[in-house]
Amino acid sequence: MKRELVEAAVGQDFIAQAPVVIVVCSNTDRVMKRYGDRGVKFYSIVDGAFASMLILLTVVNEGLGACFVGAFKDDEVAKILKLPKYVKPIGIIPIGHPNEPAEKMEGISLQEITHYEAYGKKTDLN
């Protein structure tokens, strides 16, 4: 099954190498009943993204490695996992022991990403 997921994820071979692979999915039927089309097209994706982030943070907290794979063919993943039409894959999370320590990425300063009252209006956050 992992090999099939690699093919659906445009050849990202590290998925097959991971001892554990989680595919985060969203049940769009539940959100449709409560929130309509916005629930299906927006809330269900946000919920899946939040669930994915919690999984990633937990994995790192346990001393393991993981990443979020968002590049995949939705219909192929759904077919592989035999998902009903109302359950949509949001992301693939391969989990394992990293081969090397992660490098800390250069961050963006708070001043660069903060806007005051309107987009583009800057303020001093000191």
PDB file of N, CA and C in Angstrom:
ATOM      1  N   MET A   1       0.816  -1.187   0.000  1.00  0.00           N
ATOM      2  CA  MET A   1       0.000   0.000   0.000  1.00  0.00           C
ATOM      3  C   MET A   1       0.867   1.261   0.000  1.00  0.00           C
ATOM      4  N   LYS A   2       1.978   1.240   0.746  1.00  0.00           N
ATOM      5  CA  LYS A   2       2.857   2.411   0.768  1.00  0.00           C
ATOM      6  C   LYS A   2       3.430   2.681  -0.619  1.00  0.00           C
ATOM      7  N   ARG A   3       3.774   1.635  -1.349  1.00  0.00           N
ATOM      8  CA  ARG A   3       4.305   1.803  -2.703  1.00  0.00           C
ATOM      9  C   ARG A   3       3.247   2.456  -3.602  1.00  0.00           C
ATOM     10  N   GLU A   4       2.002   2.073  -3.444  1.00  0.00           N
ATOM     11  CA  GLU A   4       0.921   2.696  -4.216  1.00  0.00           C
ATOM     12  C   GLU A   4       0.770   4.175  -3.840  1.00  0.00           C
ATOM     13  N   LEU A   5       0.910   4.475  -2.545  1.00  0.00           N
ATOM     14  CA  LEU A   5       0.827   5.877  -2.110  1.00  0.00           C
ATOM     15  C   LEU A   5       1.961   6.706  -2.707  1.00  0.00           C
ATOM     16  N   VAL A   6       3.152   6.101  -2.849  1.00  0.00           N
ATOM     17  CA  VAL A   6       4.275   6.797  -3.486  1.00  0.00           C
ATOM     18  C   VAL A   6       3.889   7.208  -4.907  1.00  0.00           C
ATOM     19  N   GLU A   7       3.302   6.282  -5.644  1.00  0.00           N
ATOM     20  CA  GLU A   7       2.890   6.587  -7.016  1.00  0.00           C
ATOM     21  C   GLU A   7       1.830   7.685  -7.042  1.00  0.00           C
ATOM     22  N   ALA A   8       0.870   7.621  -6.126  1.00  0.00           N
ATOM     23  CA  ALA A   8      -0.174   8.651  -6.057  1.00  0.00           C
ATOM     24  C   ALA A   8       0.410   9.994  -5.624  1.00  0.00           C
ATOM     25  N   ALA A   9       1.510   9.964  -4.888  1.00  0.00           N
ATOM     26  CA  ALA A   9       2.170  11.181  -4.405  1.00  0.00           C
ATOM     27  C   ALA A   9       3.322  11.570  -5.330  1.00  0.00           C
ATOM     28  N   VAL A  10       3.100  11.432  -6.599  1.00  0.00           N
ATOM     29  CA  VAL A  10       4.040  11.807  -7.665  1.00  0.00           C
ATOM     30  C   VAL A  10       5.482  11.372  -7.397  1.00  0.00           C
ATOM     31  N   GLY A  11       5.644  10.128  -6.949  1.00  0.00           N
ATOM     32  CA  GLY A  11       6.966   9.533  -6.829  1.00  0.00           C
ATOM     33  C   GLY A  11       7.780   9.916  -5.608  1.00  0.00           C
ATOM     34  N   GLN A  12       7.166  10.426  -4.564  1.00  0.00           N
ATOM     35  CA  GLN A  12       7.908  10.804  -3.356  1.00  0.00           C
ATOM     36  C   GLN A  12       8.242   9.529  -2.565  1.00  0.00           C
ATOM     37  N   ASP A  13       9.378   8.941  -2.919  1.00  0.00           N
ATOM     38  CA  ASP A  13       9.753   7.599  -2.479  1.00  0.00           C
ATOM     39  C   ASP A  13       9.951   7.460  -0.968  1.00  0.00           C
ATOM     40  N   PHE A  14      10.260   8.530  -0.281  1.00  0.00           N
ATOM     41  CA  PHE A  14      10.482   8.434   1.164  1.00  0.00           C
ATOM     42  C   PHE A  14       9.240   7.954   1.894  1.00  0.00           C
ATOM     43  N   ILE A  15       8.076   8.097   1.273  1.00  0.00           N
ATOM     44  CA  ILE A  15       6.843   7.609   1.898  1.00  0.00           C
ATOM     45  C   ILE A  15       6.934   6.106   2.124  1.00  0.00           C
ATOM     46  N   ALA A  16       7.430   5.376   1.139  1.00  0.00           N
ATOM     47  CA  ALA A  16       7.529   3.913   1.249  1.00  0.00           C
ATOM     48  C   ALA A  16       8.578   3.487   2.265  1.00  0.00           C
ATOM     49  N   GLN A  17       9.555   4.334   2.539  1.00  0.00           N
ATOM     50  CA  GLN A  17      10.617   3.998   3.480  1.00  0.00           C
ATOM     51  C   GLN A  17      10.202   4.189   4.938  1.00  0.00           C
ATOM     52  N   ALA A  18       9.146   4.928   5.171  1.00  0.00           N
ATOM     53  CA  ALA A  18       8.716   5.209   6.551  1.00  0.00           C
ATOM     54  C   ALA A  18       8.037   3.986   7.160  1.00  0.00           C
ATOM     55  N   PRO A  19       8.359   3.684   8.433  1.00  0.00           N
ATOM     56  CA  PRO A  19       7.698   2.559   9.097  1.00  0.00           C
ATOM     57  C   PRO A  19       6.199   2.779   9.298  1.00  0.00           C
ATOM     58  N   VAL A  20       5.805   4.045   9.475  1.00  0.00           N
ATOM     59  CA  VAL A  20       4.388   4.372   9.692  1.00  0.00           C
ATOM     60  C   VAL A  20       4.009   5.502   8.746  1.00  0.00           C
ATOM     61  N   VAL A  21       2.847   5.363   8.118  1.00  0.00           N
ATOM     62  CA  VAL A  21       2.327   6.416   7.254  1.00  0.00           C
ATOM     63  C   VAL A  21       0.874   6.673   7.655  1.00  0.00           C
ATOM     64  N   ILE A  22       0.589   7.923   7.982  1.00  0.00           N
ATOM     65  CA  ILE A  22      -0.775   8.327   8.316  1.00  0.00           C
ATOM     66  C   ILE A  22      -1.316   9.162   7.169  1.00  0.00           C
ATOM     67  N   VAL A  23      -2.509   8.834   6.711  1.00  0.00           N
ATOM     68  CA  VAL A  23      -3.194   9.664   5.736  1.00  0.00           C
ATOM     69  C   VAL A  23      -4.328  10.360   6.480  1.00  0.00           C
ATOM     70  N   VAL A  24      -4.210  11.666   6.615  1.00  0.00           N
ATOM     71  CA  VAL A  24      -5.224  12.452   7.304  1.00  0.00           C
ATOM     72  C   VAL A  24      -6.366  12.703   6.321  1.00  0.00           C
ATOM     73  N   CYS A  25      -7.575  12.401   6.770  1.00  0.00           N
ATOM     74  CA  CYS A  25      -8.752  12.548   5.908  1.00  0.00           C
ATOM     75  C   CYS A  25      -9.809  13.387   6.602  1.00  0.00           C
ATOM     76  N   SER A  26     -10.713  13.924   5.797  1.00  0.00           N
ATOM     77  CA  SER A  26     -11.811  14.715   6.324  1.00  0.00           C
ATOM     78  C   SER A  26     -13.134  14.139   5.850  1.00  0.00           C
ATOM     79  N   ASN A  27     -14.070  14.014   6.783  1.00  0.00           N
ATOM     80  CA  ASN A  27     -15.411  13.545   6.471  1.00  0.00           C
ATOM     81  C   ASN A  27     -16.251  14.762   6.089  1.00  0.00           C
ATOM     82  N   THR A  28     -16.391  14.987   4.797  1.00  0.00           N
ATOM     83  CA  THR A  28     -17.085  16.192   4.337  1.00  0.00           C
ATOM     84  C   THR A  28     -18.596  16.110   4.537  1.00  0.00           C
ATOM     85  N   ASP A  29     -19.124  14.913   4.703  1.00  0.00           N
ATOM     86  CA  ASP A  29     -20.556  14.739   4.929  1.00  0.00           C
ATOM     87  C   ASP A  29     -20.985  15.413   6.232  1.00  0.00           C
ATOM     88  N   ARG A  30     -20.161  15.271   7.259  1.00  0.00           N
ATOM     89  CA  ARG A  30     -20.506  15.870   8.559  1.00  0.00           C
ATOM     90  C   ARG A  30     -20.520  17.393   8.493  1.00  0.00           C
ATOM     91  N   VAL A  31     -19.497  17.991   7.843  1.00  0.00           N
ATOM     92  CA  VAL A  31     -19.454  19.454   7.796  1.00  0.00           C
ATOM     93  C   VAL A  31     -20.483  20.012   6.826  1.00  0.00           C
ATOM     94  N   MET A  32     -20.828  19.254   5.811  1.00  0.00           N
ATOM     95  CA  MET A  32     -21.840  19.706   4.847  1.00  0.00           C
ATOM     96  C   MET A  32     -23.177  19.914   5.550  1.00  0.00           C
ATOM     97  N   LYS A  33     -23.526  18.995   6.429  1.00  0.00           N
ATOM     98  CA  LYS A  33     -24.803  19.087   7.133  1.00  0.00           C
ATOM     99  C   LYS A  33     -24.879  20.339   7.996  1.00  0.00           C
ATOM    100  N   ARG A  34     -23.771  20.732   8.566  1.00  0.00           N
ATOM    101  CA  ARG A  34     -23.783  21.867   9.483  1.00  0.00           C
ATOM    102  C   ARG A  34     -23.461  23.202   8.812  1.00  0.00           C
ATOM    103  N   TYR A  35     -22.484  23.188   7.879  1.00  0.00           N
ATOM    104  CA  TYR A  35     -21.981  24.449   7.323  1.00  0.00           C
ATOM    105  C   TYR A  35     -22.158  24.593   5.813  1.00  0.00           C
ATOM    106  N   GLY A  36     -22.718  23.600   5.163  1.00  0.00           N
ATOM    107  CA  GLY A  36     -22.938  23.679   3.726  1.00  0.00           C
ATOM    108  C   GLY A  36     -21.652  23.626   2.927  1.00  0.00           C
ATOM    109  N   ASP A  37     -21.674  24.292   1.786  1.00  0.00           N
ATOM    110  CA  ASP A  37     -20.565  24.250   0.847  1.00  0.00           C
ATOM    111  C   ASP A  37     -19.264  24.783   1.454  1.00  0.00           C
ATOM    112  N   ARG A  38     -19.356  25.828   2.286  1.00  0.00           N
ATOM    113  CA  ARG A  38     -18.142  26.375   2.923  1.00  0.00           C
ATOM    114  C   ARG A  38     -17.498  25.343   3.838  1.00  0.00           C
ATOM    115  N   GLY A  39     -18.308  24.536   4.486  1.00  0.00           N
ATOM    116  CA  GLY A  39     -17.776  23.474   5.326  1.00  0.00           C
ATOM    117  C   GLY A  39     -16.974  22.465   4.530  1.00  0.00           C
ATOM    118  N   VAL A  40     -17.489  22.104   3.365  1.00  0.00           N
ATOM    119  CA  VAL A  40     -16.810  21.124   2.510  1.00  0.00           C
ATOM    120  C   VAL A  40     -15.529  21.693   1.923  1.00  0.00           C
ATOM    121  N   LYS A  41     -15.608  22.910   1.378  1.00  0.00           N
ATOM    122  CA  LYS A  41     -14.473  23.478   0.651  1.00  0.00           C
ATOM    123  C   LYS A  41     -13.442  24.177   1.525  1.00  0.00           C
ATOM    124  N   PHE A  42     -13.805  24.515   2.763  1.00  0.00           N
ATOM    125  CA  PHE A  42     -12.868  25.264   3.607  1.00  0.00           C
ATOM    126  C   PHE A  42     -12.669  24.625   4.982  1.00  0.00           C
ATOM    127  N   TYR A  43     -13.734  24.529   5.769  1.00  0.00           N
ATOM    128  CA  TYR A  43     -13.586  24.045   7.146  1.00  0.00           C
ATOM    129  C   TYR A  43     -13.007  22.643   7.213  1.00  0.00           C
ATOM    130  N   SER A  44     -13.416  21.765   6.315  1.00  0.00           N
ATOM    131  CA  SER A  44     -12.919  20.393   6.358  1.00  0.00           C
ATOM    132  C   SER A  44     -11.415  20.344   6.092  1.00  0.00           C
ATOM    133  N   ILE A  45     -10.932  21.227   5.231  1.00  0.00           N
ATOM    134  CA  ILE A  45      -9.502  21.274   4.936  1.00  0.00           C
ATOM    135  C   ILE A  45      -8.735  21.861   6.112  1.00  0.00           C
ATOM    136  N   VAL A  46      -9.260  22.919   6.692  1.00  0.00           N
ATOM    137  CA  VAL A  46      -8.619  23.530   7.861  1.00  0.00           C
ATOM    138  C   VAL A  46      -8.552  22.528   9.011  1.00  0.00           C
ATOM    139  N   ASP A  47      -9.652  21.822   9.260  1.00  0.00           N
ATOM    140  CA  ASP A  47      -9.659  20.815  10.326  1.00  0.00           C
ATOM    141  C   ASP A  47      -8.604  19.741  10.078  1.00  0.00           C
ATOM    142  N   GLY A  48      -8.485  19.295   8.828  1.00  0.00           N
ATOM    143  CA  GLY A  48      -7.470  18.297   8.487  1.00  0.00           C
ATOM    144  C   GLY A  48      -6.063  18.835   8.658  1.00  0.00           C
ATOM    145  N   ALA A  49      -5.869  20.108   8.326  1.00  0.00           N
ATOM    146  CA  ALA A  49      -4.554  20.737   8.492  1.00  0.00           C
ATOM    147  C   ALA A  49      -4.190  20.849   9.971  1.00  0.00           C
ATOM    148  N   PHE A  50      -5.175  21.231  10.810  1.00  0.00           N
ATOM    149  CA  PHE A  50      -4.915  21.308  12.258  1.00  0.00           C
ATOM    150  C   PHE A  50      -4.583  19.932  12.824  1.00  0.00           C
ATOM    151  N   ALA A  51      -5.330  18.925  12.414  1.00  0.00           N
ATOM    152  CA  ALA A  51      -5.057  17.560  12.873  1.00  0.00           C
ATOM    153  C   ALA A  51      -3.657  17.130  12.450  1.00  0.00           C
ATOM    154  N   SER A  52      -3.279  17.480  11.233  1.00  0.00           N
ATOM    155  CA  SER A  52      -1.942  17.141  10.737  1.00  0.00           C
ATOM    156  C   SER A  52      -0.859  17.811  11.564  1.00  0.00           C
ATOM    157  N   MET A  53      -1.060  19.086  11.891  1.00  0.00           N
ATOM    158  CA  MET A  53      -0.066  19.811  12.688  1.00  0.00           C
ATOM    159  C   MET A  53       0.086  19.179  14.066  1.00  0.00           C
ATOM    160  N   LEU A  54      -1.025  18.781  14.667  1.00  0.00           N
ATOM    161  CA  LEU A  54      -0.945  18.126  15.977  1.00  0.00           C
ATOM    162  C   LEU A  54      -0.183  16.810  15.891  1.00  0.00           C
ATOM    163  N   ILE A  55      -0.402  16.062  14.826  1.00  0.00           N
ATOM    164  CA  ILE A  55       0.343  14.815  14.629  1.00  0.00           C
ATOM    165  C   ILE A  55       1.828  15.117  14.479  1.00  0.00           C
ATOM    166  N   LEU A  56       2.169  16.096  13.650  1.00  0.00           N
ATOM    167  CA  LEU A  56       3.571  16.448  13.435  1.00  0.00           C
ATOM    168  C   LEU A  56       4.248  16.905  14.724  1.00  0.00           C
ATOM    169  N   LEU A  57       3.579  17.744  15.502  1.00  0.00           N
ATOM    170  CA  LEU A  57       4.157  18.210  16.765  1.00  0.00           C
ATOM    171  C   LEU A  57       4.349  17.062  17.748  1.00  0.00           C
ATOM    172  N   THR A  58       3.399  16.160  17.799  1.00  0.00           N
ATOM    173  CA  THR A  58       3.501  15.004  18.698  1.00  0.00           C
ATOM    174  C   THR A  58       4.655  14.100  18.285  1.00  0.00           C
ATOM    175  N   VAL A  59       4.797  13.879  17.002  1.00  0.00           N
ATOM    176  CA  VAL A  59       5.880  13.030  16.491  1.00  0.00           C
ATOM    177  C   VAL A  59       7.241  13.612  16.886  1.00  0.00           C
ATOM    178  N   VAL A  60       7.426  14.898  16.657  1.00  0.00           N
ATOM    179  CA  VAL A  60       8.689  15.547  17.006  1.00  0.00           C
ATOM    180  C   VAL A  60       8.920  15.487  18.514  1.00  0.00           C
ATOM    181  N   ASN A  61       7.863  15.699  19.291  1.00  0.00           N
ATOM    182  CA  ASN A  61       7.965  15.630  20.745  1.00  0.00           C
ATOM    183  C   ASN A  61       8.430  14.246  21.215  1.00  0.00           C
ATOM    184  N   GLU A  62       8.100  13.225  20.455  1.00  0.00           N
ATOM    185  CA  GLU A  62       8.500  11.853  20.793  1.00  0.00           C
ATOM    186  C   GLU A  62       9.882  11.497  20.244  1.00  0.00           C
ATOM    187  N   GLY A  63      10.562  12.460  19.637  1.00  0.00           N
ATOM    188  CA  GLY A  63      11.917  12.238  19.139  1.00  0.00           C
ATOM    189  C   GLY A  63      11.974  11.561  17.777  1.00  0.00           C
ATOM    190  N   LEU A  64      10.870  11.562  17.061  1.00  0.00           N
ATOM    191  CA  LEU A  64      10.827  10.958  15.734  1.00  0.00           C
ATOM    192  C   LEU A  64      10.810  12.042  14.668  1.00  0.00           C
ATOM    193  N   GLY A  65      10.817  11.628  13.425  1.00  0.00           N
ATOM    194  CA  GLY A  65      10.765  12.570  12.321  1.00  0.00           C
ATOM    195  C   GLY A  65       9.514  12.343  11.491  1.00  0.00           C
ATOM    196  N   ALA A  66       9.046  13.384  10.850  1.00  0.00           N
ATOM    197  CA  ALA A  66       7.872  13.297   9.991  1.00  0.00           C
ATOM    198  C   ALA A  66       7.849  14.508   9.075  1.00  0.00           C
ATOM    199  N   CYS A  67       7.024  14.425   8.071  1.00  0.00           N
ATOM    200  CA  CYS A  67       6.785  15.578   7.214  1.00  0.00           C
ATOM    201  C   CYS A  67       5.370  15.493   6.676  1.00  0.00           C
ATOM    202  N   PHE A  68       4.879  16.605   6.204  1.00  0.00           N
ATOM    203  CA  PHE A  68       3.541  16.667   5.615  1.00  0.00           C
ATOM    204  C   PHE A  68       3.686  16.628   4.105  1.00  0.00           C
ATOM    205  N   VAL A  69       3.015  15.686   3.477  1.00  0.00           N
ATOM    206  CA  VAL A  69       3.024  15.573   2.023  1.00  0.00           C
ATOM    207  C   VAL A  69       1.649  16.021   1.524  1.00  0.00           C
ATOM    208  N   GLY A  70       1.631  17.117   0.813  1.00  0.00           N
ATOM    209  CA  GLY A  70       0.378  17.639   0.290  1.00  0.00           C
ATOM    210  C   GLY A  70       0.255  17.469  -1.213  1.00  0.00           C
ATOM    211  N   ALA A  71       1.344  17.059  -1.860  1.00  0.00           N
ATOM    212  CA  ALA A  71       1.333  16.859  -3.316  1.00  0.00           C
ATOM    213  C   ALA A  71       0.993  15.404  -3.613  1.00  0.00           C
ATOM    214  N   PHE A  72      -0.256  15.170  -3.954  1.00  0.00           N
ATOM    215  CA  PHE A  72      -0.700  13.829  -4.320  1.00  0.00           C
ATOM    216  C   PHE A  72      -1.976  13.928  -5.133  1.00  0.00           C
ATOM    217  N   LYS A  73      -2.297  12.863  -5.819  1.00  0.00           N
ATOM    218  CA  LYS A  73      -3.517  12.800  -6.626  1.00  0.00           C
ATOM    219  C   LYS A  73      -4.635  12.282  -5.733  1.00  0.00           C
ATOM    220  N   ASP A  74      -5.536  13.193  -5.371  1.00  0.00           N
ATOM    221  CA  ASP A  74      -6.609  12.890  -4.419  1.00  0.00           C
ATOM    222  C   ASP A  74      -7.384  11.626  -4.780  1.00  0.00           C
ATOM    223  N   ASP A  75      -7.798  11.532  -6.042  1.00  0.00           N
ATOM    224  CA  ASP A  75      -8.621  10.396  -6.464  1.00  0.00           C
ATOM    225  C   ASP A  75      -7.873   9.073  -6.329  1.00  0.00           C
ATOM    226  N   GLU A  76      -6.563   9.085  -6.617  1.00  0.00           N
ATOM    227  CA  GLU A  76      -5.776   7.861  -6.498  1.00  0.00           C
ATOM    228  C   GLU A  76      -5.619   7.435  -5.038  1.00  0.00           C
ATOM    229  N   VAL A  77      -5.367   8.386  -4.157  1.00  0.00           N
ATOM    230  CA  VAL A  77      -5.251   8.060  -2.730  1.00  0.00           C
ATOM    231  C   VAL A  77      -6.583   7.518  -2.215  1.00  0.00           C
ATOM    232  N   ALA A  78      -7.677   8.149  -2.607  1.00  0.00           N
ATOM    233  CA  ALA A  78      -9.000   7.688  -2.191  1.00  0.00           C
ATOM    234  C   ALA A  78      -9.258   6.254  -2.672  1.00  0.00           C
ATOM    235  N   LYS A  79      -8.835   5.960  -3.885  1.00  0.00           N
ATOM    236  CA  LYS A  79      -9.021   4.606  -4.433  1.00  0.00           C
ATOM    237  C   LYS A  79      -8.166   3.585  -3.674  1.00  0.00           C
ATOM    238  N   ILE A  80      -6.921   3.919  -3.410  1.00  0.00           N
ATOM    239  CA  ILE A  80      -6.018   3.019  -2.682  1.00  0.00           C
ATOM    240  C   ILE A  80      -6.584   2.684  -1.307  1.00  0.00           C
ATOM    241  N   LEU A  81      -7.112   3.702  -0.627  1.00  0.00           N
ATOM    242  CA  LEU A  81      -7.622   3.510   0.733  1.00  0.00           C
ATOM    243  C   LEU A  81      -9.098   3.115   0.771  1.00  0.00           C
ATOM    244  N   LYS A  82      -9.705   3.002  -0.412  1.00  0.00           N
ATOM    245  CA  LYS A  82     -11.124   2.641  -0.515  1.00  0.00           C
ATOM    246  C   LYS A  82     -12.014   3.592   0.297  1.00  0.00           C
ATOM    247  N   LEU A  83     -11.743   4.879   0.131  1.00  0.00           N
ATOM    248  CA  LEU A  83     -12.497   5.902   0.856  1.00  0.00           C
ATOM    249  C   LEU A  83     -13.854   6.119   0.205  1.00  0.00           C
ATOM    250  N   PRO A  84     -14.888   6.316   1.011  1.00  0.00           N
ATOM    251  CA  PRO A  84     -16.171   6.716   0.418  1.00  0.00           C
ATOM    252  C   PRO A  84     -16.028   8.113  -0.195  1.00  0.00           C
ATOM    253  N   LYS A  85     -16.941   8.470  -1.091  1.00  0.00           N
ATOM    254  CA  LYS A  85     -16.844   9.756  -1.809  1.00  0.00           C
ATOM    255  C   LYS A  85     -16.821  10.964  -0.883  1.00  0.00           C
ATOM    256  N   TYR A  86     -17.449  10.879   0.273  1.00  0.00           N
ATOM    257  CA  TYR A  86     -17.518  12.026   1.177  1.00  0.00           C
ATOM    258  C   TYR A  86     -16.320  12.126   2.121  1.00  0.00           C
ATOM    259  N   VAL A  87     -15.372  11.212   2.038  1.00  0.00           N
ATOM    260  CA  VAL A  87     -14.144  11.279   2.837  1.00  0.00           C
ATOM    261  C   VAL A  87     -13.001  11.659   1.905  1.00  0.00           C
ATOM    262  N   LYS A  88     -12.375  12.800   2.185  1.00  0.00           N
ATOM    263  CA  LYS A  88     -11.338  13.349   1.315  1.00  0.00           C
ATOM    264  C   LYS A  88      -9.975  13.311   1.994  1.00  0.00           C
ATOM    265  N   PRO A  89      -8.942  12.837   1.280  1.00  0.00           N
ATOM    266  CA  PRO A  89      -7.588  12.883   1.850  1.00  0.00           C
ATOM    267  C   PRO A  89      -7.071  14.319   1.872  1.00  0.00           C
ATOM    268  N   ILE A  90      -6.491  14.697   3.000  1.00  0.00           N
ATOM    269  CA  ILE A  90      -5.962  16.050   3.183  1.00  0.00           C
ATOM    270  C   ILE A  90      -4.438  16.064   3.074  1.00  0.00           C
ATOM    271  N   GLY A  91      -3.787  15.052   3.630  1.00  0.00           N
ATOM    272  CA  GLY A  91      -2.329  14.992   3.608  1.00  0.00           C
ATOM    273  C   GLY A  91      -1.819  13.624   3.995  1.00  0.00           C
ATOM    274  N   ILE A  92      -0.585  13.356   3.604  1.00  0.00           N
ATOM    275  CA  ILE A  92       0.093  12.102   3.926  1.00  0.00           C
ATOM    276  C   ILE A  92       1.245  12.439   4.863  1.00  0.00           C
ATOM    277  N   ILE A  93       1.339  11.719   5.979  1.00  0.00           N
ATOM    278  CA  ILE A  93       2.397  11.993   6.953  1.00  0.00           C
ATOM    279  C   ILE A  93       3.213  10.716   7.182  1.00  0.00           C
ATOM    280  N   PRO A  94       4.393  10.610   6.531  1.00  0.00           N
ATOM    281  CA  PRO A  94       5.293   9.497   6.831  1.00  0.00           C
ATOM    282  C   PRO A  94       6.030   9.782   8.139  1.00  0.00           C
ATOM    283  N   ILE A  95       6.141   8.760   8.991  1.00  0.00           N
ATOM    284  CA  ILE A  95       6.760   8.916  10.309  1.00  0.00           C
ATOM    285  C   ILE A  95       7.850   7.866  10.483  1.00  0.00           C
ATOM    286  N   GLY A  96       8.982   8.282  11.030  1.00  0.00           N
ATOM    287  CA  GLY A  96      10.077   7.346  11.282  1.00  0.00           C
ATOM    288  C   GLY A  96      11.202   8.001  12.040  1.00  0.00           C
ATOM    289  N   HIS A  97      12.320   7.315  12.064  1.00  0.00           N
ATOM    290  CA  HIS A  97      13.531   7.840  12.703  1.00  0.00           C
ATOM    291  C   HIS A  97      14.326   8.599  11.640  1.00  0.00           C
ATOM    292  N   PRO A  98      14.609   9.885  11.872  1.00  0.00           N
ATOM    293  CA  PRO A  98      15.339  10.657  10.857  1.00  0.00           C
ATOM    294  C   PRO A  98      16.776  10.161  10.702  1.00  0.00           C
ATOM    295  N   ASN A  99      17.289  10.213   9.472  1.00  0.00           N
ATOM    296  CA  ASN A  99      18.671   9.817   9.198  1.00  0.00           C
ATOM    297  C   ASN A  99      19.673  10.848   9.685  1.00  0.00           C
ATOM    298  N   GLU A 100      19.223  12.081   9.783  1.00  0.00           N
ATOM    299  CA  GLU A 100      20.105  13.165  10.213  1.00  0.00           C
ATOM    300  C   GLU A 100      19.277  14.182  10.980  1.00  0.00           C
ATOM    301  N   PRO A 101      19.910  14.962  11.840  1.00  0.00           N
ATOM    302  CA  PRO A 101      19.149  15.973  12.584  1.00  0.00           C
ATOM    303  C   PRO A 101      18.615  17.043  11.637  1.00  0.00           C
ATOM    304  N   ALA A 102      17.456  17.546  11.962  1.00  0.00           N
ATOM    305  CA  ALA A 102      16.843  18.587  11.140  1.00  0.00           C
ATOM    306  C   ALA A 102      17.593  19.897  11.303  1.00  0.00           C
ATOM    307  N   GLU A 103      17.726  20.611  10.204  1.00  0.00           N
ATOM    308  CA  GLU A 103      18.339  21.930  10.250  1.00  0.00           C
ATOM    309  C   GLU A 103      17.263  22.954  10.574  1.00  0.00           C
ATOM    310  N   LYS A 104      17.608  23.912  11.391  1.00  0.00           N
ATOM    311  CA  LYS A 104      16.663  24.978  11.707  1.00  0.00           C
ATOM    312  C   LYS A 104      16.586  25.915  10.508  1.00  0.00           C
ATOM    313  N   MET A 105      15.370  26.174  10.082  1.00  0.00           N
ATOM    314  CA  MET A 105      15.172  27.053   8.937  1.00  0.00           C
ATOM    315  C   MET A 105      15.233  28.511   9.371  1.00  0.00           C
ATOM    316  N   GLU A 106      15.684  29.332   8.455  1.00  0.00           N
ATOM    317  CA  GLU A 106      15.708  30.769   8.697  1.00  0.00           C
ATOM    318  C   GLU A 106      14.270  31.264   8.756  1.00  0.00           C
ATOM    319  N   GLY A 107      13.929  31.949   9.821  1.00  0.00           N
ATOM    320  CA  GLY A 107      12.563  32.432   9.990  1.00  0.00           C
ATOM    321  C   GLY A 107      12.347  33.796   9.360  1.00  0.00           C
ATOM    322  N   ILE A 108      11.112  34.166   9.275  1.00  0.00           N
ATOM    323  CA  ILE A 108      10.739  35.491   8.793  1.00  0.00           C
ATOM    324  C   ILE A 108      10.467  36.341  10.030  1.00  0.00           C
ATOM    325  N   SER A 109      10.968  37.549  10.029  1.00  0.00           N
ATOM    326  CA  SER A 109      10.802  38.392  11.204  1.00  0.00           C
ATOM    327  C   SER A 109       9.327  38.728  11.414  1.00  0.00           C
ATOM    328  N   LEU A 110       8.967  38.927  12.664  1.00  0.00           N
ATOM    329  CA  LEU A 110       7.605  39.291  13.020  1.00  0.00           C
ATOM    330  C   LEU A 110       7.200  40.607  12.351  1.00  0.00           C
ATOM    331  N   GLN A 111       8.143  41.521  12.238  1.00  0.00           N
ATOM    332  CA  GLN A 111       7.852  42.809  11.609  1.00  0.00           C
ATOM    333  C   GLN A 111       7.483  42.646  10.127  1.00  0.00           C
ATOM    334  N   GLU A 112       8.071  41.654   9.463  1.00  0.00           N
ATOM    335  CA  GLU A 112       7.785  41.440   8.041  1.00  0.00           C
ATOM    336  C   GLU A 112       6.392  40.875   7.806  1.00  0.00           C
ATOM    337  N   ILE A 113       5.859  40.136   8.763  1.00  0.00           N
ATOM    338  CA  ILE A 113       4.573  39.460   8.536  1.00  0.00           C
ATOM    339  C   ILE A 113       3.409  40.076   9.302  1.00  0.00           C
ATOM    340  N   THR A 114       3.686  41.133  10.074  1.00  0.00           N
ATOM    341  CA  THR A 114       2.635  41.768  10.859  1.00  0.00           C
ATOM    342  C   THR A 114       2.184  43.060  10.192  1.00  0.00           C
ATOM    343  N   HIS A 115       0.873  43.205  10.082  1.00  0.00           N
ATOM    344  CA  HIS A 115       0.272  44.408   9.510  1.00  0.00           C
ATOM    345  C   HIS A 115      -0.670  44.985  10.560  1.00  0.00           C
ATOM    346  N   TYR A 116      -0.762  46.300  10.627  1.00  0.00           N
ATOM    347  CA  TYR A 116      -1.551  46.972  11.641  1.00  0.00           C
ATOM    348  C   TYR A 116      -2.791  47.592  11.029  1.00  0.00           C
ATOM    349  N   GLU A 117      -3.942  47.069  11.369  1.00  0.00           N
ATOM    350  CA  GLU A 117      -5.257  47.547  10.951  1.00  0.00           C
ATOM    351  C   GLU A 117      -5.561  47.355   9.468  1.00  0.00           C
ATOM    352  N   ALA A 118      -4.572  47.310   8.613  1.00  0.00           N
ATOM    353  CA  ALA A 118      -4.790  47.068   7.189  1.00  0.00           C
ATOM    354  C   ALA A 118      -3.554  46.422   6.608  1.00  0.00           C
ATOM    355  N   TYR A 119      -3.742  45.577   5.632  1.00  0.00           N
ATOM    356  CA  TYR A 119      -2.607  44.919   4.989  1.00  0.00           C
ATOM    357  C   TYR A 119      -1.664  45.975   4.395  1.00  0.00           C
ATOM    358  N   GLY A 120      -0.378  45.820   4.672  1.00  0.00           N
ATOM    359  CA  GLY A 120       0.616  46.753   4.163  1.00  0.00           C
ATOM    360  C   GLY A 120       0.954  47.886   5.105  1.00  0.00           C
ATOM    361  N   LYS A 121       0.118  48.085   6.121  1.00  0.00           N
ATOM    362  CA  LYS A 121       0.389  49.144   7.091  1.00  0.00           C
ATOM    363  C   LYS A 121       1.230  48.546   8.211  1.00  0.00           C
ATOM    364  N   LYS A 122       2.442  49.068   8.380  1.00  0.00           N
ATOM    365  CA  LYS A 122       3.393  48.511   9.337  1.00  0.00           C
ATOM    366  C   LYS A 122       3.390  49.312  10.631  1.00  0.00           C
ATOM    367  N   THR A 123       3.818  48.630  11.676  1.00  0.00           N
ATOM    368  CA  THR A 123       3.957  49.284  12.967  1.00  0.00           C
ATOM    369  C   THR A 123       5.198  48.717  13.649  1.00  0.00           C
ATOM    370  N   ASP A 124       5.758  49.462  14.549  1.00  0.00           N
ATOM    371  CA  ASP A 124       6.916  48.992  15.316  1.00  0.00           C
ATOM    372  C   ASP A 124       6.414  48.136  16.467  1.00  0.00           C
ATOM    373  N   LEU A 125       6.867  46.901  16.528  1.00  0.00           N
ATOM    374  CA  LEU A 125       6.403  45.988  17.589  1.00  0.00           C
ATOM    375  C   LEU A 125       7.312  45.982  18.807  1.00  0.00           C
ATOM    376  N   ASN A 126       8.267  46.874  18.858  1.00  0.00           N
ATOM    377  CA  ASN A 126       9.167  46.896  20.027  1.00  0.00           C
ATOM    378  C   ASN A 126       8.498  47.426  21.240  1.00  0.00           C
TER     379      ASN A 126
END
